[in-house]
Amino acid sequence: MERRPQALRTPRAAGVVGIAFALLLAATIVLVRLAIPGEPSNAGSTWFTDPSRRRTVQTALGLIPFAGIFFLWFMGAVRARIGEAEDQFLATVFIGSGLVFVATLFGAAAAAGSLLETAGTSGTDSAQLWSFGHHFTYSLLATYAMRMAAVFTLSTSSIGHRLGVLPRWLAILGYLVALTLLFVTSSVAWSELVFPLWALVLSLHILVATFRPRPAPTLSS
């Protein structure tokens, strides 16, 4: 009887850290989209010299490490909720895609930070620097990080649905989000927000589910 509160603690932690991750990542995406022009031709030197936009991007870059940390905790807590019955193949894809997502997200943040600092130095060709930095940063974020997020979403939804941890509607939502991240984010602005939205919905579901009474386990003689 004394182990039941401990058993509920990890799933509730999954909900809390998942909500924190979703809010931080969504805030980062919104700040970057508002501050940085979507097309390199629209940037010019004015973006680099605009103090308010630079501060906005610096704020977004400061949030990314914390989003990555919460995501790692979120991964561990979700895996603890799945339990020992997880499929080893899907579990490997789940862990690998999550770790690569965090690494790529950090790489995109480092590239954007380097672009921001280098652009502020004198004697730099802002147009060429912006064109290179824009494509490099957005390729890491929209092409690689979001597609790893798609694999993570797909594996999580598959494991959760197969083991009965996630309801059917949430698994279907995860599949739709994964398809969006795979095929849409590289061409449609703001579509990457579906990933933190899915993480928020999943975290809220886990948090609510922990307060529902569970049937007592049967003891074998």
N, C-alpha and C. Protein backbone atom coordinates (compact mmCIF):
# COMPACT_ATOMS: atom_id res chain seq x y z
N MET A 1 0.81 -1.22 0.00
CA MET A 1 0.00 0.00 0.00
C MET A 1 0.85 1.27 0.00
N GLU A 2 2.03 1.18 0.54
CA GLU A 2 2.86 2.38 0.63
C GLU A 2 3.47 2.75 -0.70
N ARG A 3 3.43 1.86 -1.69
CA ARG A 3 4.07 2.15 -2.97
C ARG A 3 3.15 2.87 -3.93
N ARG A 4 1.85 2.90 -3.65
CA ARG A 4 0.94 3.50 -4.60
C ARG A 4 1.15 5.00 -4.79
N PRO A 5 1.34 5.83 -3.73
CA PRO A 5 1.64 7.24 -3.96
C PRO A 5 2.89 7.43 -4.80
N GLN A 6 3.92 6.60 -4.60
CA GLN A 6 5.13 6.70 -5.40
C GLN A 6 4.85 6.35 -6.85
N ALA A 7 3.96 5.38 -7.07
CA ALA A 7 3.64 4.99 -8.44
C ALA A 7 2.92 6.09 -9.19
N LEU A 8 2.17 6.90 -8.47
CA LEU A 8 1.46 7.99 -9.12
C LEU A 8 2.33 9.22 -9.33
N ARG A 9 3.46 9.28 -8.65
CA ARG A 9 4.26 10.49 -8.68
C ARG A 9 4.91 10.70 -10.05
N THR A 10 5.41 9.63 -10.66
CA THR A 10 6.08 9.76 -11.94
C THR A 10 5.14 10.20 -13.05
N PRO A 11 3.94 9.59 -13.22
CA PRO A 11 3.03 10.10 -14.25
C PRO A 11 2.64 11.56 -14.04
N ARG A 12 2.41 11.98 -12.79
CA ARG A 12 2.09 13.38 -12.56
C ARG A 12 3.27 14.26 -12.92
N ALA A 13 4.48 13.78 -12.64
CA ALA A 13 5.66 14.54 -13.04
C ALA A 13 5.72 14.65 -14.56
N ALA A 14 5.33 13.59 -15.27
CA ALA A 14 5.30 13.64 -16.73
C ALA A 14 4.38 14.73 -17.21
N GLY A 15 3.22 14.87 -16.56
CA GLY A 15 2.29 15.91 -16.96
C GLY A 15 2.83 17.30 -16.69
N VAL A 16 3.45 17.50 -15.53
CA VAL A 16 3.94 18.83 -15.16
C VAL A 16 5.09 19.26 -16.05
N VAL A 17 6.11 18.40 -16.21
CA VAL A 17 7.25 18.79 -17.03
C VAL A 17 6.88 18.87 -18.50
N GLY A 18 5.91 18.06 -18.93
CA GLY A 18 5.45 18.15 -20.31
C GLY A 18 4.77 19.48 -20.60
N ILE A 19 3.98 19.95 -19.65
CA ILE A 19 3.34 21.26 -19.81
C ILE A 19 4.40 22.36 -19.85
N ALA A 20 5.40 22.27 -18.97
CA ALA A 20 6.47 23.27 -18.96
C ALA A 20 7.22 23.26 -20.29
N PHE A 21 7.54 22.07 -20.81
CA PHE A 21 8.23 21.98 -22.10
C PHE A 21 7.39 22.58 -23.21
N ALA A 22 6.10 22.22 -23.26
CA ALA A 22 5.24 22.71 -24.33
C ALA A 22 5.14 24.23 -24.33
N LEU A 23 4.99 24.82 -23.16
CA LEU A 23 4.87 26.27 -23.07
C LEU A 23 6.17 26.96 -23.46
N LEU A 24 7.30 26.41 -23.02
CA LEU A 24 8.59 27.02 -23.35
C LEU A 24 8.89 26.92 -24.84
N LEU A 25 8.64 25.75 -25.44
CA LEU A 25 8.91 25.60 -26.87
C LEU A 25 7.98 26.45 -27.70
N ALA A 26 6.70 26.51 -27.31
CA ALA A 26 5.76 27.36 -28.05
C ALA A 26 6.15 28.83 -27.95
N ALA A 27 6.56 29.28 -26.77
CA ALA A 27 7.00 30.66 -26.61
C ALA A 27 8.23 30.95 -27.46
N THR A 28 9.15 29.99 -27.53
CA THR A 28 10.36 30.16 -28.35
C THR A 28 10.00 30.30 -29.82
N ILE A 29 9.14 29.43 -30.31
CA ILE A 29 8.75 29.46 -31.73
C ILE A 29 8.05 30.78 -32.06
N VAL A 30 7.13 31.21 -31.19
CA VAL A 30 6.40 32.45 -31.44
C VAL A 30 7.35 33.65 -31.45
N LEU A 31 8.27 33.71 -30.49
CA LEU A 31 9.21 34.83 -30.43
C LEU A 31 10.10 34.88 -31.67
N VAL A 32 10.59 33.73 -32.09
CA VAL A 32 11.46 33.69 -33.26
C VAL A 32 10.69 34.07 -34.52
N ARG A 33 9.48 33.55 -34.66
CA ARG A 33 8.69 33.87 -35.85
C ARG A 33 8.32 35.35 -35.91
N LEU A 34 8.07 35.95 -34.77
CA LEU A 34 7.71 37.37 -34.76
C LEU A 34 8.92 38.27 -35.00
N ALA A 35 10.09 37.84 -34.55
CA ALA A 35 11.26 38.71 -34.63
C ALA A 35 12.03 38.56 -35.92
N ILE A 36 12.09 37.34 -36.46
CA ILE A 36 12.91 37.09 -37.64
C ILE A 36 12.02 36.99 -38.87
N PRO A 37 12.33 37.73 -39.92
CA PRO A 37 11.54 37.64 -41.16
C PRO A 37 11.59 36.24 -41.74
N GLY A 38 10.50 35.85 -42.36
CA GLY A 38 10.43 34.51 -42.91
C GLY A 38 11.26 34.29 -44.14
N GLU A 39 11.55 35.34 -44.90
CA GLU A 39 12.32 35.21 -46.12
C GLU A 39 13.62 35.99 -45.99
N PRO A 40 14.74 35.45 -46.49
CA PRO A 40 16.00 36.16 -46.40
C PRO A 40 15.99 37.50 -47.11
N SER A 41 15.23 37.61 -48.20
CA SER A 41 15.19 38.86 -48.95
C SER A 41 14.55 39.99 -48.19
N ASN A 42 13.75 39.65 -47.17
CA ASN A 42 13.08 40.69 -46.40
C ASN A 42 13.90 41.16 -45.20
N ALA A 43 15.06 40.57 -45.01
CA ALA A 43 15.81 40.86 -43.79
C ALA A 43 16.63 42.12 -43.92
N GLY A 44 17.62 42.09 -44.83
CA GLY A 44 18.51 43.23 -44.97
C GLY A 44 19.29 43.48 -43.71
N SER A 45 19.82 44.66 -43.60
CA SER A 45 20.61 45.00 -42.41
C SER A 45 19.75 45.56 -41.29
N THR A 46 18.47 45.86 -41.59
CA THR A 46 17.63 46.49 -40.57
C THR A 46 17.31 45.52 -39.43
N TRP A 47 17.17 44.23 -39.76
CA TRP A 47 16.85 43.28 -38.70
C TRP A 47 17.98 43.18 -37.70
N PHE A 48 19.23 43.18 -38.18
CA PHE A 48 20.37 43.05 -37.28
C PHE A 48 20.53 44.26 -36.38
N THR A 49 20.12 45.42 -36.88
CA THR A 49 20.33 46.65 -36.11
C THR A 49 19.12 47.05 -35.29
N ASP A 50 18.05 46.27 -35.34
CA ASP A 50 16.84 46.59 -34.57
C ASP A 50 17.01 46.03 -33.16
N PRO A 51 17.18 46.89 -32.15
CA PRO A 51 17.45 46.38 -30.78
C PRO A 51 16.30 45.52 -30.23
N SER A 52 15.05 45.91 -30.53
CA SER A 52 13.92 45.16 -29.97
C SER A 52 13.87 43.75 -30.55
N ARG A 53 14.13 43.61 -31.83
CA ARG A 53 14.11 42.27 -32.43
C ARG A 53 15.28 41.43 -31.93
N ARG A 54 16.43 42.03 -31.76
CA ARG A 54 17.58 41.30 -31.25
C ARG A 54 17.31 40.80 -29.83
N ARG A 55 16.70 41.64 -29.01
CA ARG A 55 16.38 41.22 -27.64
C ARG A 55 15.35 40.10 -27.64
N THR A 56 14.39 40.17 -28.57
CA THR A 56 13.38 39.12 -28.66
C THR A 56 14.01 37.78 -29.01
N VAL A 57 14.93 37.79 -29.98
CA VAL A 57 15.60 36.55 -30.37
C VAL A 57 16.48 36.05 -29.24
N GLN A 58 17.18 36.94 -28.55
CA GLN A 58 18.01 36.53 -27.41
C GLN A 58 17.16 35.90 -26.30
N THR A 59 15.98 36.45 -26.09
CA THR A 59 15.07 35.85 -25.10
C THR A 59 14.66 34.44 -25.51
N ALA A 60 14.32 34.29 -26.80
CA ALA A 60 13.93 32.96 -27.30
C ALA A 60 15.07 31.97 -27.16
N LEU A 61 16.30 32.41 -27.49
CA LEU A 61 17.45 31.51 -27.39
C LEU A 61 17.72 31.14 -25.94
N GLY A 62 17.43 32.04 -25.01
CA GLY A 62 17.62 31.74 -23.60
C GLY A 62 16.62 30.72 -23.08
N LEU A 63 15.46 30.60 -23.73
CA LEU A 63 14.46 29.63 -23.30
C LEU A 63 14.74 28.21 -23.79
N ILE A 64 15.47 28.09 -24.90
CA ILE A 64 15.66 26.79 -25.53
C ILE A 64 16.37 25.79 -24.61
N PRO A 65 17.46 26.15 -23.91
CA PRO A 65 18.07 25.15 -23.03
C PRO A 65 17.12 24.59 -21.98
N PHE A 66 16.27 25.43 -21.43
CA PHE A 66 15.31 24.97 -20.43
C PHE A 66 14.24 24.09 -21.07
N ALA A 67 13.83 24.43 -22.30
CA ALA A 67 12.88 23.57 -23.00
C ALA A 67 13.48 22.20 -23.23
N GLY A 68 14.77 22.14 -23.61
CA GLY A 68 15.42 20.85 -23.82
C GLY A 68 15.53 20.04 -22.54
N ILE A 69 15.85 20.72 -21.43
CA ILE A 69 15.95 20.02 -20.14
C ILE A 69 14.60 19.44 -19.74
N PHE A 70 13.54 20.23 -19.86
CA PHE A 70 12.20 19.73 -19.51
C PHE A 70 11.78 18.60 -20.43
N PHE A 71 12.21 18.67 -21.70
CA PHE A 71 11.85 17.61 -22.64
C PHE A 71 12.50 16.28 -22.24
N LEU A 72 13.76 16.34 -21.79
CA LEU A 72 14.42 15.11 -21.35
C LEU A 72 13.71 14.50 -20.14
N TRP A 73 13.32 15.34 -19.19
CA TRP A 73 12.54 14.86 -18.04
C TRP A 73 11.20 14.30 -18.51
N PHE A 74 10.60 14.96 -19.48
CA PHE A 74 9.32 14.52 -20.02
C PHE A 74 9.47 13.13 -20.65
N MET A 75 10.55 12.92 -21.40
CA MET A 75 10.80 11.61 -22.00
C MET A 75 10.90 10.52 -20.93
N GLY A 76 11.71 10.79 -19.91
CA GLY A 76 11.89 9.79 -18.86
C GLY A 76 10.61 9.49 -18.11
N ALA A 77 9.82 10.53 -17.84
CA ALA A 77 8.58 10.32 -17.09
C ALA A 77 7.54 9.57 -17.92
N VAL A 78 7.46 9.88 -19.22
CA VAL A 78 6.52 9.17 -20.09
C VAL A 78 6.92 7.70 -20.21
N ARG A 79 8.22 7.45 -20.33
CA ARG A 79 8.68 6.06 -20.42
C ARG A 79 8.39 5.31 -19.13
N ALA A 80 8.52 6.00 -17.99
CA ALA A 80 8.19 5.35 -16.72
C ALA A 80 6.71 5.01 -16.65
N ARG A 81 5.87 5.86 -17.24
CA ARG A 81 4.42 5.57 -17.24
C ARG A 81 4.10 4.38 -18.12
N ILE A 82 4.84 4.24 -19.24
CA ILE A 82 4.60 3.11 -20.13
C ILE A 82 4.92 1.80 -19.43
N GLY A 83 6.01 1.80 -18.67
CA GLY A 83 6.34 0.62 -17.88
C GLY A 83 7.21 -0.37 -18.63
N GLU A 84 7.36 -1.53 -18.04
CA GLU A 84 8.26 -2.55 -18.58
C GLU A 84 7.68 -3.28 -19.78
N ALA A 85 6.41 -3.06 -20.11
CA ALA A 85 5.78 -3.79 -21.21
C ALA A 85 6.03 -3.14 -22.57
N GLU A 86 6.86 -2.09 -22.62
CA GLU A 86 7.08 -1.38 -23.87
C GLU A 86 7.77 -2.26 -24.90
N ASP A 87 7.48 -2.01 -26.15
CA ASP A 87 8.12 -2.71 -27.25
C ASP A 87 9.55 -2.19 -27.42
N GLN A 88 10.53 -3.09 -27.48
CA GLN A 88 11.92 -2.66 -27.53
C GLN A 88 12.25 -1.89 -28.80
N PHE A 89 11.66 -2.28 -29.92
CA PHE A 89 11.91 -1.58 -31.18
C PHE A 89 11.39 -0.15 -31.11
N LEU A 90 10.11 0.00 -30.74
CA LEU A 90 9.53 1.33 -30.65
C LEU A 90 10.18 2.15 -29.55
N ALA A 91 10.58 1.48 -28.46
CA ALA A 91 11.25 2.21 -27.37
C ALA A 91 12.59 2.77 -27.83
N THR A 92 13.30 2.02 -28.66
CA THR A 92 14.57 2.51 -29.19
C THR A 92 14.36 3.72 -30.09
N VAL A 93 13.34 3.65 -30.94
CA VAL A 93 13.01 4.79 -31.80
C VAL A 93 12.57 5.99 -30.97
N PHE A 94 11.80 5.72 -29.93
CA PHE A 94 11.32 6.77 -29.02
C PHE A 94 12.50 7.51 -28.38
N ILE A 95 13.44 6.75 -27.81
CA ILE A 95 14.57 7.37 -27.13
C ILE A 95 15.50 8.06 -28.13
N GLY A 96 15.81 7.38 -29.23
CA GLY A 96 16.73 7.95 -30.21
C GLY A 96 16.21 9.23 -30.83
N SER A 97 14.95 9.23 -31.23
CA SER A 97 14.39 10.44 -31.86
C SER A 97 14.31 11.59 -30.87
N GLY A 98 13.99 11.29 -29.61
CA GLY A 98 13.93 12.35 -28.61
C GLY A 98 15.28 12.99 -28.36
N LEU A 99 16.33 12.16 -28.27
CA LEU A 99 17.67 12.69 -28.03
C LEU A 99 18.18 13.49 -29.23
N VAL A 100 17.93 12.98 -30.43
CA VAL A 100 18.36 13.71 -31.64
C VAL A 100 17.59 15.03 -31.77
N PHE A 101 16.31 15.02 -31.38
CA PHE A 101 15.53 16.26 -31.42
C PHE A 101 16.15 17.32 -30.53
N VAL A 102 16.51 16.94 -29.30
CA VAL A 102 17.11 17.90 -28.38
C VAL A 102 18.45 18.39 -28.91
N ALA A 103 19.28 17.47 -29.43
CA ALA A 103 20.59 17.86 -29.96
C ALA A 103 20.44 18.82 -31.15
N THR A 104 19.49 18.53 -32.03
CA THR A 104 19.29 19.39 -33.19
C THR A 104 18.71 20.74 -32.79
N LEU A 105 17.83 20.73 -31.80
CA LEU A 105 17.27 21.98 -31.29
C LEU A 105 18.37 22.86 -30.70
N PHE A 106 19.27 22.25 -29.94
CA PHE A 106 20.39 23.00 -29.38
C PHE A 106 21.32 23.50 -30.49
N GLY A 107 21.51 22.68 -31.53
CA GLY A 107 22.34 23.11 -32.65
C GLY A 107 21.76 24.31 -33.37
N ALA A 108 20.43 24.29 -33.57
CA ALA A 108 19.78 25.43 -34.21
C ALA A 108 19.90 26.68 -33.35
N ALA A 109 19.77 26.52 -32.03
CA ALA A 109 19.91 27.67 -31.14
C ALA A 109 21.33 28.21 -31.16
N ALA A 110 22.34 27.32 -31.19
CA ALA A 110 23.72 27.77 -31.25
C ALA A 110 24.00 28.50 -32.57
N ALA A 111 23.44 27.98 -33.67
CA ALA A 111 23.64 28.63 -34.96
C ALA A 111 22.98 30.01 -34.98
N ALA A 112 21.77 30.10 -34.44
CA ALA A 112 21.09 31.40 -34.40
C ALA A 112 21.83 32.38 -33.50
N GLY A 113 22.34 31.90 -32.36
CA GLY A 113 23.10 32.78 -31.48
C GLY A 113 24.38 33.27 -32.11
N SER A 114 25.08 32.39 -32.82
CA SER A 114 26.29 32.79 -33.52
C SER A 114 25.98 33.81 -34.61
N LEU A 115 24.89 33.58 -35.33
CA LEU A 115 24.47 34.53 -36.36
C LEU A 115 24.18 35.90 -35.75
N LEU A 116 23.52 35.89 -34.63
CA LEU A 116 23.15 37.15 -33.98
C LEU A 116 24.38 37.92 -33.52
N GLU A 117 25.34 37.21 -32.93
CA GLU A 117 26.54 37.87 -32.44
C GLU A 117 27.44 38.33 -33.58
N THR A 118 27.60 37.51 -34.61
CA THR A 118 28.46 37.86 -35.73
C THR A 118 27.89 39.02 -36.53
N ALA A 119 26.57 39.05 -36.64
CA ALA A 119 25.93 40.12 -37.40
C ALA A 119 26.10 41.47 -36.73
N GLY A 120 26.35 41.46 -35.43
CA GLY A 120 26.51 42.71 -34.72
C GLY A 120 27.89 43.32 -34.85
N THR A 121 28.86 42.58 -35.40
CA THR A 121 30.21 43.11 -35.57
C THR A 121 30.29 43.99 -36.80
N SER A 122 31.20 44.92 -36.77
CA SER A 122 31.36 45.84 -37.89
C SER A 122 32.09 45.15 -39.03
N GLY A 123 31.85 45.62 -40.25
CA GLY A 123 32.53 45.10 -41.41
C GLY A 123 31.98 43.78 -41.92
N THR A 124 30.82 43.39 -41.44
CA THR A 124 30.23 42.12 -41.88
C THR A 124 29.20 42.37 -42.96
N ASP A 125 29.23 41.55 -44.00
CA ASP A 125 28.24 41.64 -45.07
C ASP A 125 26.94 41.04 -44.55
N SER A 126 26.03 41.91 -44.10
CA SER A 126 24.82 41.44 -43.44
C SER A 126 23.93 40.62 -44.35
N ALA A 127 23.84 41.03 -45.64
CA ALA A 127 22.94 40.33 -46.55
C ALA A 127 23.39 38.89 -46.76
N GLN A 128 24.67 38.68 -47.06
CA GLN A 128 25.17 37.33 -47.29
C GLN A 128 25.15 36.51 -46.00
N LEU A 129 25.52 37.15 -44.90
CA LEU A 129 25.51 36.46 -43.62
C LEU A 129 24.11 36.02 -43.24
N TRP A 130 23.13 36.91 -43.45
CA TRP A 130 21.75 36.55 -43.12
C TRP A 130 21.25 35.42 -43.99
N SER A 131 21.58 35.45 -45.29
CA SER A 131 21.11 34.41 -46.19
C SER A 131 21.64 33.04 -45.76
N PHE A 132 22.93 32.98 -45.43
CA PHE A 132 23.52 31.71 -44.98
C PHE A 132 22.94 31.29 -43.63
N GLY A 133 22.95 32.21 -42.68
CA GLY A 133 22.48 31.88 -41.34
C GLY A 133 21.02 31.50 -41.30
N HIS A 134 20.21 32.20 -42.11
CA HIS A 134 18.77 31.90 -42.16
C HIS A 134 18.53 30.48 -42.64
N HIS A 135 19.16 30.12 -43.76
CA HIS A 135 18.94 28.78 -44.32
C HIS A 135 19.49 27.71 -43.39
N PHE A 136 20.64 27.96 -42.79
CA PHE A 136 21.25 26.96 -41.92
C PHE A 136 20.41 26.74 -40.67
N THR A 137 20.01 27.83 -40.03
CA THR A 137 19.24 27.73 -38.79
C THR A 137 17.87 27.10 -39.03
N TYR A 138 17.18 27.58 -40.06
CA TYR A 138 15.84 27.05 -40.32
C TYR A 138 15.88 25.63 -40.85
N SER A 139 16.98 25.26 -41.51
CA SER A 139 17.10 23.86 -41.93
C SER A 139 17.23 22.95 -40.72
N LEU A 140 18.04 23.37 -39.74
CA LEU A 140 18.17 22.58 -38.52
C LEU A 140 16.85 22.48 -37.78
N LEU A 141 16.14 23.61 -37.70
CA LEU A 141 14.91 23.64 -36.91
C LEU A 141 13.74 22.98 -37.63
N ALA A 142 13.44 23.47 -38.85
CA ALA A 142 12.23 23.03 -39.55
C ALA A 142 12.40 21.68 -40.24
N THR A 143 13.61 21.40 -40.74
CA THR A 143 13.80 20.17 -41.50
C THR A 143 14.20 19.01 -40.60
N TYR A 144 15.18 19.22 -39.74
CA TYR A 144 15.73 18.11 -38.97
C TYR A 144 15.08 17.97 -37.59
N ALA A 145 15.06 19.04 -36.82
CA ALA A 145 14.50 18.95 -35.47
C ALA A 145 13.02 18.56 -35.51
N MET A 146 12.25 19.19 -36.40
CA MET A 146 10.83 18.90 -36.45
C MET A 146 10.54 17.50 -36.98
N ARG A 147 11.40 16.99 -37.85
CA ARG A 147 11.18 15.63 -38.33
C ARG A 147 11.56 14.60 -37.28
N MET A 148 12.54 14.91 -36.47
CA MET A 148 12.81 14.04 -35.33
C MET A 148 11.66 14.11 -34.32
N ALA A 149 11.08 15.30 -34.18
CA ALA A 149 9.90 15.43 -33.33
C ALA A 149 8.74 14.61 -33.89
N ALA A 150 8.64 14.52 -35.21
CA ALA A 150 7.59 13.70 -35.83
C ALA A 150 7.79 12.23 -35.49
N VAL A 151 9.03 11.76 -35.56
CA VAL A 151 9.30 10.36 -35.22
C VAL A 151 9.01 10.11 -33.74
N PHE A 152 9.38 11.06 -32.89
CA PHE A 152 9.09 10.92 -31.47
C PHE A 152 7.59 10.86 -31.21
N THR A 153 6.84 11.74 -31.86
CA THR A 153 5.39 11.76 -31.70
C THR A 153 4.76 10.46 -32.19
N LEU A 154 5.24 9.98 -33.34
CA LEU A 154 4.71 8.75 -33.91
C LEU A 154 4.98 7.54 -33.02
N SER A 155 6.21 7.43 -32.52
CA SER A 155 6.56 6.29 -31.66
C SER A 155 5.82 6.36 -30.33
N THR A 156 5.70 7.55 -29.76
CA THR A 156 4.98 7.70 -28.49
C THR A 156 3.51 7.31 -28.66
N SER A 157 2.89 7.78 -29.74
CA SER A 157 1.48 7.47 -29.98
C SER A 157 1.29 5.97 -30.23
N SER A 158 2.21 5.37 -30.96
CA SER A 158 2.09 3.93 -31.25
C SER A 158 2.24 3.10 -29.98
N ILE A 159 3.24 3.43 -29.15
CA ILE A 159 3.44 2.69 -27.91
C ILE A 159 2.25 2.89 -26.97
N GLY A 160 1.82 4.14 -26.82
CA GLY A 160 0.72 4.43 -25.91
C GLY A 160 -0.57 3.76 -26.32
N HIS A 161 -0.86 3.75 -27.63
CA HIS A 161 -2.09 3.13 -28.11
C HIS A 161 -2.01 1.61 -28.00
N ARG A 162 -0.87 1.03 -28.32
CA ARG A 162 -0.72 -0.42 -28.28
C ARG A 162 -0.86 -0.97 -26.86
N LEU A 163 -0.34 -0.23 -25.89
CA LEU A 163 -0.41 -0.68 -24.50
C LEU A 163 -1.65 -0.19 -23.77
N GLY A 164 -2.48 0.59 -24.45
CA GLY A 164 -3.69 1.09 -23.82
C GLY A 164 -3.46 2.26 -22.87
N VAL A 165 -2.27 2.86 -22.92
CA VAL A 165 -2.00 4.01 -22.06
C VAL A 165 -2.66 5.27 -22.59
N LEU A 166 -2.75 5.40 -23.92
CA LEU A 166 -3.36 6.57 -24.54
C LEU A 166 -4.69 6.17 -25.18
N PRO A 167 -5.70 7.03 -25.12
CA PRO A 167 -6.96 6.74 -25.80
C PRO A 167 -6.79 6.83 -27.32
N ARG A 168 -7.74 6.29 -28.02
CA ARG A 168 -7.65 6.23 -29.47
C ARG A 168 -7.57 7.63 -30.10
N TRP A 169 -8.36 8.57 -29.58
CA TRP A 169 -8.38 9.90 -30.18
C TRP A 169 -7.04 10.61 -30.03
N LEU A 170 -6.36 10.36 -28.90
CA LEU A 170 -5.07 11.00 -28.69
C LEU A 170 -4.00 10.36 -29.56
N ALA A 171 -4.10 9.06 -29.78
CA ALA A 171 -3.16 8.39 -30.68
C ALA A 171 -3.34 8.90 -32.12
N ILE A 172 -4.59 9.05 -32.54
CA ILE A 172 -4.85 9.57 -33.89
C ILE A 172 -4.33 10.99 -34.02
N LEU A 173 -4.54 11.81 -32.99
CA LEU A 173 -4.00 13.16 -33.00
C LEU A 173 -2.49 13.14 -33.14
N GLY A 174 -1.83 12.22 -32.45
CA GLY A 174 -0.38 12.11 -32.56
C GLY A 174 0.05 11.74 -33.97
N TYR A 175 -0.68 10.84 -34.63
CA TYR A 175 -0.34 10.47 -36.00
C TYR A 175 -0.50 11.67 -36.95
N LEU A 176 -1.55 12.44 -36.76
CA LEU A 176 -1.77 13.62 -37.61
C LEU A 176 -0.68 14.67 -37.38
N VAL A 177 -0.30 14.86 -36.12
CA VAL A 177 0.78 15.79 -35.82
C VAL A 177 2.09 15.33 -36.45
N ALA A 178 2.36 14.03 -36.37
CA ALA A 178 3.58 13.50 -36.97
C ALA A 178 3.61 13.72 -38.48
N LEU A 179 2.50 13.51 -39.15
CA LEU A 179 2.44 13.75 -40.60
C LEU A 179 2.66 15.23 -40.92
N THR A 180 2.09 16.09 -40.09
CA THR A 180 2.28 17.53 -40.30
C THR A 180 3.75 17.91 -40.14
N LEU A 181 4.39 17.39 -39.12
CA LEU A 181 5.80 17.70 -38.88
C LEU A 181 6.69 17.13 -39.97
N LEU A 182 6.31 16.00 -40.54
CA LEU A 182 7.13 15.37 -41.58
C LEU A 182 7.04 16.10 -42.92
N PHE A 183 5.84 16.56 -43.28
CA PHE A 183 5.63 17.01 -44.65
C PHE A 183 5.23 18.48 -44.80
N VAL A 184 4.93 19.16 -43.71
CA VAL A 184 4.36 20.50 -43.83
C VAL A 184 5.27 21.58 -43.27
N THR A 185 5.98 21.30 -42.20
CA THR A 185 6.69 22.36 -41.48
C THR A 185 7.77 23.05 -42.31
N SER A 186 8.36 22.34 -43.26
CA SER A 186 9.41 22.97 -44.05
C SER A 186 8.88 23.99 -45.05
N SER A 187 7.57 23.99 -45.28
CA SER A 187 7.01 24.91 -46.28
C SER A 187 5.93 25.83 -45.73
N VAL A 188 5.37 25.53 -44.58
CA VAL A 188 4.29 26.33 -44.01
C VAL A 188 4.74 26.91 -42.68
N ALA A 189 4.80 28.23 -42.59
CA ALA A 189 5.23 28.88 -41.36
C ALA A 189 4.21 28.65 -40.24
N TRP A 190 4.71 28.60 -39.03
CA TRP A 190 3.93 28.42 -37.81
C TRP A 190 3.41 26.99 -37.62
N SER A 191 3.56 26.12 -38.62
CA SER A 191 3.02 24.77 -38.48
C SER A 191 3.77 23.96 -37.45
N GLU A 192 5.00 24.37 -37.10
CA GLU A 192 5.75 23.63 -36.08
C GLU A 192 5.14 23.76 -34.69
N LEU A 193 4.19 24.68 -34.53
CA LEU A 193 3.51 24.82 -33.24
C LEU A 193 2.65 23.61 -32.89
N VAL A 194 2.38 22.75 -33.87
CA VAL A 194 1.57 21.57 -33.57
C VAL A 194 2.29 20.63 -32.61
N PHE A 195 3.63 20.66 -32.62
CA PHE A 195 4.36 19.76 -31.72
C PHE A 195 4.21 20.16 -30.25
N PRO A 196 4.48 21.42 -29.87
CA PRO A 196 4.21 21.77 -28.47
C PRO A 196 2.74 21.67 -28.10
N LEU A 197 1.84 21.88 -29.08
CA LEU A 197 0.41 21.72 -28.79
C LEU A 197 0.09 20.26 -28.47
N TRP A 198 0.66 19.33 -29.23
CA TRP A 198 0.45 17.91 -28.95
C TRP A 198 1.04 17.54 -27.58
N ALA A 199 2.24 18.04 -27.29
CA ALA A 199 2.85 17.75 -25.99
C ALA A 199 2.01 18.29 -24.85
N LEU A 200 1.38 19.45 -25.06
CA LEU A 200 0.52 20.02 -24.03
C LEU A 200 -0.72 19.17 -23.81
N VAL A 201 -1.35 18.73 -24.90
CA VAL A 201 -2.55 17.89 -24.79
C VAL A 201 -2.20 16.56 -24.12
N LEU A 202 -1.08 15.95 -24.53
CA LEU A 202 -0.66 14.69 -23.93
C LEU A 202 -0.37 14.85 -22.44
N SER A 203 0.30 15.94 -22.08
CA SER A 203 0.64 16.17 -20.68
C SER A 203 -0.61 16.40 -19.83
N LEU A 204 -1.56 17.14 -20.36
CA LEU A 204 -2.81 17.37 -19.64
C LEU A 204 -3.57 16.06 -19.46
N HIS A 205 -3.56 15.22 -20.49
CA HIS A 205 -4.24 13.92 -20.38
C HIS A 205 -3.59 13.07 -19.30
N ILE A 206 -2.26 13.03 -19.28
CA ILE A 206 -1.55 12.23 -18.27
C ILE A 206 -1.84 12.79 -16.88
N LEU A 207 -1.85 14.11 -16.75
CA LEU A 207 -2.08 14.72 -15.45
C LEU A 207 -3.49 14.42 -14.94
N VAL A 208 -4.48 14.51 -15.84
CA VAL A 208 -5.85 14.23 -15.45
C VAL A 208 -6.02 12.74 -15.13
N ALA A 209 -5.35 11.89 -15.91
CA ALA A 209 -5.51 10.45 -15.72
C ALA A 209 -4.98 9.98 -14.37
N THR A 210 -4.00 10.69 -13.81
CA THR A 210 -3.44 10.28 -12.52
C THR A 210 -4.41 10.48 -11.37
N PHE A 211 -5.42 11.33 -11.55
CA PHE A 211 -6.38 11.58 -10.49
C PHE A 211 -7.59 10.65 -10.57
N ARG A 212 -7.65 9.86 -11.64
CA ARG A 212 -8.75 8.91 -11.75
C ARG A 212 -8.44 7.67 -10.93
N PRO A 213 -9.41 7.12 -10.24
CA PRO A 213 -9.16 5.92 -9.46
C PRO A 213 -8.85 4.72 -10.36
N ARG A 214 -7.87 3.96 -9.96
CA ARG A 214 -7.49 2.77 -10.69
C ARG A 214 -7.92 1.53 -9.92
N PRO A 215 -8.25 0.47 -10.64
CA PRO A 215 -8.60 -0.76 -9.93
C PRO A 215 -7.41 -1.32 -9.20
N ALA A 216 -7.65 -1.85 -8.02
CA ALA A 216 -6.57 -2.41 -7.22
C ALA A 216 -6.00 -3.65 -7.91
N PRO A 217 -4.69 -3.82 -7.89
CA PRO A 217 -4.08 -4.98 -8.55
C PRO A 217 -4.45 -6.27 -7.83
N THR A 218 -4.67 -7.30 -8.62
CA THR A 218 -5.00 -8.61 -8.05
C THR A 218 -3.72 -9.33 -7.66
N LEU A 219 -3.75 -9.98 -6.53
CA LEU A 219 -2.59 -10.70 -6.02
C LEU A 219 -2.76 -12.18 -6.33
N SER A 220 -1.73 -12.72 -6.97
CA SER A 220 -1.77 -14.15 -7.28
C SER A 220 -1.35 -14.96 -6.06
N SER A 221 -2.02 -16.05 -5.84
CA SER A 221 -1.70 -16.88 -4.66
C SER A 221 -0.45 -17.71 -4.91
